[in-house]
Amino acid sequence: MPINLSPRKDSEGEARLYFGIPELIEPTALWVSITQPPGTLAALMTTGRKAELRHRDVLGAPLFQAGAEESAGSLTQHVCLVPACGVELIDHNHAVGHSAHHMLYTPELIPTAESCPICLGPSADCPVYLLKTGSSALQPRVLCKVLTPAASRADPNTGVKFTHAGMSTSTVAMPSTNVPIVCPLCEPDLADPAHKPPGAPAVSPTKRKKTARPAVMKYNMRVHWAELHQSTAIPAGLEAALALAPQERALLGANKGGRQRKVSVAEAQRKAAGL
């Protein structure tokens, strides 16, 4: 089905990407993906015969200009899909913080007990990894099906990129510490030794470890443990790692996970109609 793309400025001078599908008559939910280095921009919208799609970067600048090339930017915005929420998420860091707010304050509204830290979909559909990058610390990668639908388990670096320091430190702007943790029973050779149960065999320091290490999000670990390892108590070191930062819950309750912009109910329904 042909799609006619037309980048131009609106009456207020804002850059927008318009597109039309001649054959489309009834309103339909569509995924629109624009591939550009270093990743894929993906946005959800609902359109009829003609509609518009805005792309902005984390600073609010348009990613599309009339007569200009696409600017390099981060992941595009999307709307929280939790019923009656409608917060428009600015970037992937904001999405993690806002999702953490729902996981702690409104878990009854989340359809699955183990959820993606970005889109709140089933964690099985959005696997997470800790990736060894050079000589630096292990860095989180989230293969979120909403923000990186083309990401591959064969190459976790194609997922959404975070820094371990950023995800594990609670601040006013980024309150959540929902960071990936390697399960010490599922992946004993890859887990942090401090998270292992007493008496666990040591791993030879000369043994070569995987670069990409499957992990479980901190907020999901208790559910994961109850489902797969209920006969074993959570080791003390892992229990300590699962504790929230002193002001984490309060900060998440105060600002719902960081910067936010409220959109109308009608707009939220329109943008969420396809999921």
Protein backbone atom coordinates (compact mmCIF):
# COMPACT_ATOMS: atom_id res chain seq x y z
CA MET A 1 0.00 0.00 0.00
CA PRO A 2 1.63 3.31 -1.04
CA ILE A 3 2.20 5.98 1.59
CA ASN A 4 2.71 9.58 0.52
CA LEU A 5 5.11 11.41 2.84
CA SER A 6 5.23 15.20 2.90
CA PRO A 7 7.42 17.03 5.44
CA ARG A 8 6.41 20.68 5.80
CA LYS A 9 5.63 23.36 8.36
CA ASP A 10 2.13 24.00 9.68
CA SER A 11 0.36 27.33 10.10
CA GLU A 12 2.19 27.93 13.38
CA GLY A 13 5.57 27.31 11.83
CA GLU A 14 6.11 23.92 13.46
CA ALA A 15 7.71 21.14 11.41
CA ARG A 16 5.46 18.14 10.88
CA LEU A 17 5.53 15.01 8.78
CA TYR A 18 2.24 14.55 6.93
CA PHE A 19 1.30 11.38 5.16
CA GLY A 20 -1.70 10.13 3.26
CA ILE A 21 -2.84 6.69 2.15
CA PRO A 22 -5.28 7.05 -0.76
CA GLU A 23 -6.83 3.60 -0.31
CA LEU A 24 -7.51 4.10 3.39
CA ILE A 25 -11.08 5.06 4.20
CA GLU A 26 -11.85 4.00 7.76
CA PRO A 27 -9.62 5.14 10.66
CA THR A 28 -6.89 2.57 11.14
CA ALA A 29 -4.09 2.08 13.64
CA LEU A 30 -0.66 2.03 12.02
CA TRP A 31 2.95 1.61 13.06
CA VAL A 32 5.16 4.09 11.26
CA SER A 33 8.90 3.41 11.42
CA ILE A 34 11.57 5.72 10.04
CA THR A 35 14.98 4.08 10.06
CA GLN A 36 17.97 6.28 10.65
CA PRO A 37 21.31 5.73 12.36
CA PRO A 38 21.95 4.73 15.05
CA GLY A 39 18.57 3.06 15.48
CA THR A 40 14.94 3.02 14.48
CA LEU A 41 12.44 5.72 15.25
CA ALA A 42 9.05 4.15 15.85
CA ALA A 43 5.81 5.97 16.54
CA LEU A 44 2.24 4.84 16.97
CA MET A 45 -0.60 6.83 15.55
CA THR A 46 -4.14 6.45 14.29
CA THR A 47 -5.04 7.94 10.95
CA GLY A 48 -7.76 8.13 8.38
CA ARG A 49 -7.17 9.23 4.80
CA LYS A 50 -4.78 11.93 5.93
CA ALA A 51 -2.97 12.62 9.17
CA GLU A 52 0.12 14.16 10.65
CA LEU A 53 2.96 12.78 12.72
CA ARG A 54 5.28 14.88 14.85
CA HIS A 55 8.80 13.74 15.68
CA ARG A 56 10.74 15.61 18.32
CA ASP A 57 13.95 14.84 20.13
CA VAL A 58 14.45 14.87 23.90
CA LEU A 59 14.98 18.64 23.88
CA GLY A 60 11.75 19.27 22.02
CA ALA A 61 13.36 20.17 18.69
CA PRO A 62 11.69 18.78 15.54
CA LEU A 63 13.41 15.81 13.94
CA PHE A 64 11.96 16.75 10.54
CA GLN A 65 12.31 20.11 8.81
CA ALA A 66 10.73 21.11 5.53
CA GLY A 67 13.34 20.70 2.82
CA ALA A 68 15.94 19.35 5.24
CA GLU A 69 17.37 15.97 6.10
CA GLU A 70 16.29 14.12 9.22
CA SER A 71 18.37 15.14 12.20
CA ALA A 72 20.06 12.48 14.28
CA GLY A 73 17.97 11.99 17.39
CA SER A 74 16.88 9.62 20.08
CA LEU A 75 13.75 7.54 20.34
CA THR A 76 10.52 9.28 19.50
CA GLN A 77 7.72 9.94 21.95
CA HIS A 78 4.89 7.58 22.78
CA VAL A 79 1.94 7.68 25.12
CA CYS A 80 1.59 5.63 28.29
CA LEU A 81 -0.87 2.83 27.57
CA VAL A 82 -2.08 2.36 31.14
CA PRO A 83 -5.84 3.03 31.18
CA ALA A 84 -6.83 6.61 32.07
CA CYS A 85 -3.19 7.76 32.25
CA GLY A 86 -2.41 9.47 28.95
CA VAL A 87 1.01 10.86 29.88
CA GLU A 88 3.12 11.52 26.79
CA LEU A 89 6.57 10.12 27.42
CA ILE A 90 9.45 12.33 26.39
CA ASP A 91 12.21 9.75 25.96
CA HIS A 92 13.28 6.27 27.06
CA ASN A 93 14.59 7.50 30.41
CA HIS A 94 11.28 9.18 31.17
CA ALA A 95 9.46 6.01 30.06
CA VAL A 96 11.40 3.88 32.56
CA GLY A 97 10.66 6.29 35.40
CA HIS A 98 6.99 6.61 34.53
CA SER A 99 6.60 2.84 34.17
CA ALA A 100 8.26 2.44 37.58
CA HIS A 101 5.60 4.75 39.02
CA HIS A 102 2.86 2.46 37.72
CA MET A 103 4.65 -0.69 38.91
CA LEU A 104 4.83 0.66 42.46
CA TYR A 105 1.59 2.65 42.70
CA THR A 106 -0.89 1.08 40.25
CA PRO A 107 0.23 -2.55 39.70
CA GLU A 108 -3.40 -3.61 39.35
CA LEU A 109 -3.54 -1.71 36.05
CA ILE A 110 -0.60 -3.58 34.52
CA PRO A 111 -1.67 -6.74 32.65
CA THR A 112 1.37 -8.88 33.51
CA ALA A 113 3.29 -9.36 36.76
CA GLU A 114 6.66 -9.21 35.00
CA SER A 115 6.66 -6.15 32.77
CA CYS A 116 8.89 -4.37 30.31
CA PRO A 117 10.48 -1.38 32.08
CA ILE A 118 9.61 0.86 29.13
CA CYS A 119 6.24 -0.13 27.65
CA LEU A 120 4.88 -2.29 30.53
CA GLY A 121 4.16 -5.13 28.11
CA PRO A 122 5.07 -8.74 29.01
CA SER A 123 8.74 -9.03 29.89
CA ALA A 124 8.97 -12.18 27.76
CA ASP A 125 8.33 -9.99 24.70
CA CYS A 126 10.88 -7.36 25.74
CA PRO A 127 13.98 -9.18 27.04
CA VAL A 128 16.70 -7.30 28.90
CA TYR A 129 20.43 -7.84 28.97
CA LEU A 130 23.56 -6.58 30.65
CA LEU A 131 26.13 -6.05 27.93
CA LYS A 132 29.88 -6.03 28.36
CA THR A 133 31.16 -3.07 26.37
CA GLY A 134 34.94 -2.89 26.28
CA SER A 135 36.49 -2.56 29.72
CA SER A 136 33.58 -0.61 31.18
CA ALA A 137 30.88 -1.84 33.53
CA LEU A 138 28.02 -3.98 32.24
CA GLN A 139 25.52 -1.73 30.49
CA PRO A 140 21.72 -2.30 30.29
CA ARG A 141 20.01 -3.00 26.98
CA VAL A 142 16.22 -3.36 26.70
CA LEU A 143 14.75 -4.95 23.58
CA CYS A 144 11.45 -3.10 23.93
CA LYS A 145 8.98 -4.12 21.23
CA VAL A 146 7.45 -0.63 21.25
CA LEU A 147 10.55 1.54 20.98
CA THR A 148 12.85 -0.90 19.15
CA PRO A 149 10.62 -3.35 17.26
CA ALA A 150 13.52 -4.40 15.02
CA ALA A 151 15.84 -5.25 17.94
CA SER A 152 17.25 -8.78 17.90
CA ARG A 153 18.15 -11.17 20.71
CA ALA A 154 21.12 -12.17 18.56
CA ASP A 155 22.46 -8.63 18.98
CA PRO A 156 21.18 -7.05 22.22
CA ASN A 157 23.03 -3.85 21.36
CA THR A 158 20.19 -3.13 18.93
CA GLY A 159 17.89 -2.56 21.92
CA VAL A 160 17.32 0.63 23.88
CA LYS A 161 20.63 1.70 25.43
CA PHE A 162 20.99 2.81 29.04
CA THR A 163 23.92 3.33 31.38
CA HIS A 164 24.14 1.24 34.52
CA ALA A 165 25.07 4.29 36.59
CA GLY A 166 22.03 6.19 35.34
CA MET A 167 19.56 3.37 35.94
CA SER A 168 20.89 2.39 39.36
CA THR A 169 21.01 5.89 40.89
CA SER A 170 17.83 7.58 42.13
CA THR A 171 17.61 11.32 41.39
CA VAL A 172 14.78 13.83 41.17
CA ALA A 173 14.90 13.73 37.37
CA MET A 174 15.30 9.92 37.21
CA PRO A 175 13.93 8.47 40.48
CA SER A 176 13.72 4.80 39.50
CA THR A 177 16.47 2.28 40.23
CA ASN A 178 14.79 -0.43 38.15
CA VAL A 179 18.01 -1.84 36.73
CA PRO A 180 18.66 -5.26 35.13
CA ILE A 181 20.11 -7.93 37.44
CA VAL A 182 21.44 -11.31 36.34
CA CYS A 183 19.55 -14.03 38.22
CA PRO A 184 22.09 -16.05 40.27
CA LEU A 185 20.12 -19.30 39.86
CA CYS A 186 19.27 -18.99 36.16
CA GLU A 187 22.74 -17.78 35.18
CA PRO A 188 25.12 -18.80 38.01
CA ASP A 189 28.23 -18.34 35.85
CA LEU A 190 27.23 -14.79 34.88
CA ALA A 191 25.67 -13.43 38.07
CA ASP A 192 27.26 -11.04 40.52
CA PRO A 193 29.01 -13.18 43.18
CA ALA A 194 27.44 -10.98 45.89
CA HIS A 195 23.96 -12.08 44.72
CA LYS A 196 24.60 -15.82 44.95
CA PRO A 197 23.38 -18.08 47.77
CA PRO A 198 25.85 -19.26 50.42
CA GLY A 199 27.97 -22.17 49.26
CA ALA A 200 27.49 -21.48 45.56
CA PRO A 201 30.47 -22.76 43.58
CA ALA A 202 32.93 -20.12 42.53
CA VAL A 203 33.43 -19.39 38.85
CA SER A 204 36.96 -19.66 37.56
CA PRO A 205 38.35 -16.17 36.87
CA THR A 206 39.84 -17.49 33.64
CA LYS A 207 36.51 -18.77 32.33
CA ARG A 208 35.31 -16.71 29.38
CA LYS A 209 31.90 -15.17 30.02
CA LYS A 210 29.22 -14.19 27.56
CA THR A 211 29.30 -10.59 26.36
CA ALA A 212 25.49 -10.36 26.53
CA ARG A 213 24.07 -11.60 29.82
CA PRO A 214 20.31 -12.29 30.13
CA ALA A 215 18.88 -10.38 33.06
CA VAL A 216 15.73 -9.66 35.03
CA MET A 217 14.59 -6.17 35.94
CA LYS A 218 14.95 -5.31 39.61
CA TYR A 219 11.22 -4.60 40.03
CA ASN A 220 10.42 -7.98 38.42
CA MET A 221 12.90 -10.10 40.36
CA ARG A 222 10.61 -11.06 43.26
CA VAL A 223 7.92 -12.31 40.87
CA HIS A 224 10.56 -14.11 38.80
CA TRP A 225 11.94 -15.75 41.93
CA ALA A 226 8.51 -16.80 43.20
CA GLU A 227 7.65 -18.38 39.85
CA LEU A 228 10.94 -20.20 39.18
CA HIS A 229 12.84 -20.53 42.46
CA GLN A 230 10.23 -20.59 45.22
CA SER A 231 11.95 -23.44 47.04
CA THR A 232 15.05 -21.29 47.59
CA ALA A 233 15.21 -18.17 49.73
CA ILE A 234 16.42 -15.02 48.05
CA PRO A 235 20.12 -14.66 48.97
CA ALA A 236 20.93 -11.82 51.35
CA GLY A 237 23.09 -10.04 48.81
CA LEU A 238 20.37 -10.10 46.19
CA GLU A 239 17.77 -9.04 48.75
CA ALA A 240 19.90 -5.99 49.52
CA ALA A 241 20.19 -5.19 45.81
CA LEU A 242 16.38 -5.26 45.47
CA ALA A 243 15.85 -2.57 48.12
CA LEU A 244 14.60 0.79 46.91
CA ALA A 245 16.67 3.92 47.37
CA PRO A 246 15.61 5.99 50.44
CA GLN A 247 13.52 8.54 48.51
CA GLU A 248 12.73 6.44 45.43
CA ARG A 249 9.09 5.63 46.18
CA ALA A 250 8.35 9.17 47.34
CA LEU A 251 9.94 10.73 44.25
CA LEU A 252 8.09 8.37 41.91
CA GLY A 253 4.83 9.25 43.63
CA ALA A 254 5.50 12.98 43.51
CA ASN A 255 6.35 13.36 39.83
CA LYS A 256 5.21 10.03 38.32
CA GLY A 257 8.71 9.14 37.21
CA GLY A 258 10.27 12.41 36.04
CA ARG A 259 9.47 15.00 33.41
CA GLN A 260 6.05 14.68 31.88
CA ARG A 261 3.52 16.40 29.69
CA LYS A 262 -0.19 15.63 30.00
CA VAL A 263 -2.21 15.12 26.83
CA SER A 264 -5.97 15.14 26.43
CA VAL A 265 -7.97 11.94 26.94
CA ALA A 266 -9.05 12.02 23.30
CA GLU A 267 -5.46 12.36 22.13
CA ALA A 268 -4.32 9.54 24.41
CA GLN A 269 -7.10 7.28 23.14
CA ARG A 270 -6.21 8.13 19.55
CA LYS A 271 -2.53 7.35 20.03
CA ALA A 272 -3.16 4.18 22.04
CA ALA A 273 -5.87 2.78 19.78
CA GLY A 274 -3.53 0.41 17.99
CA LEU A 275 -2.37 -1.56 21.03
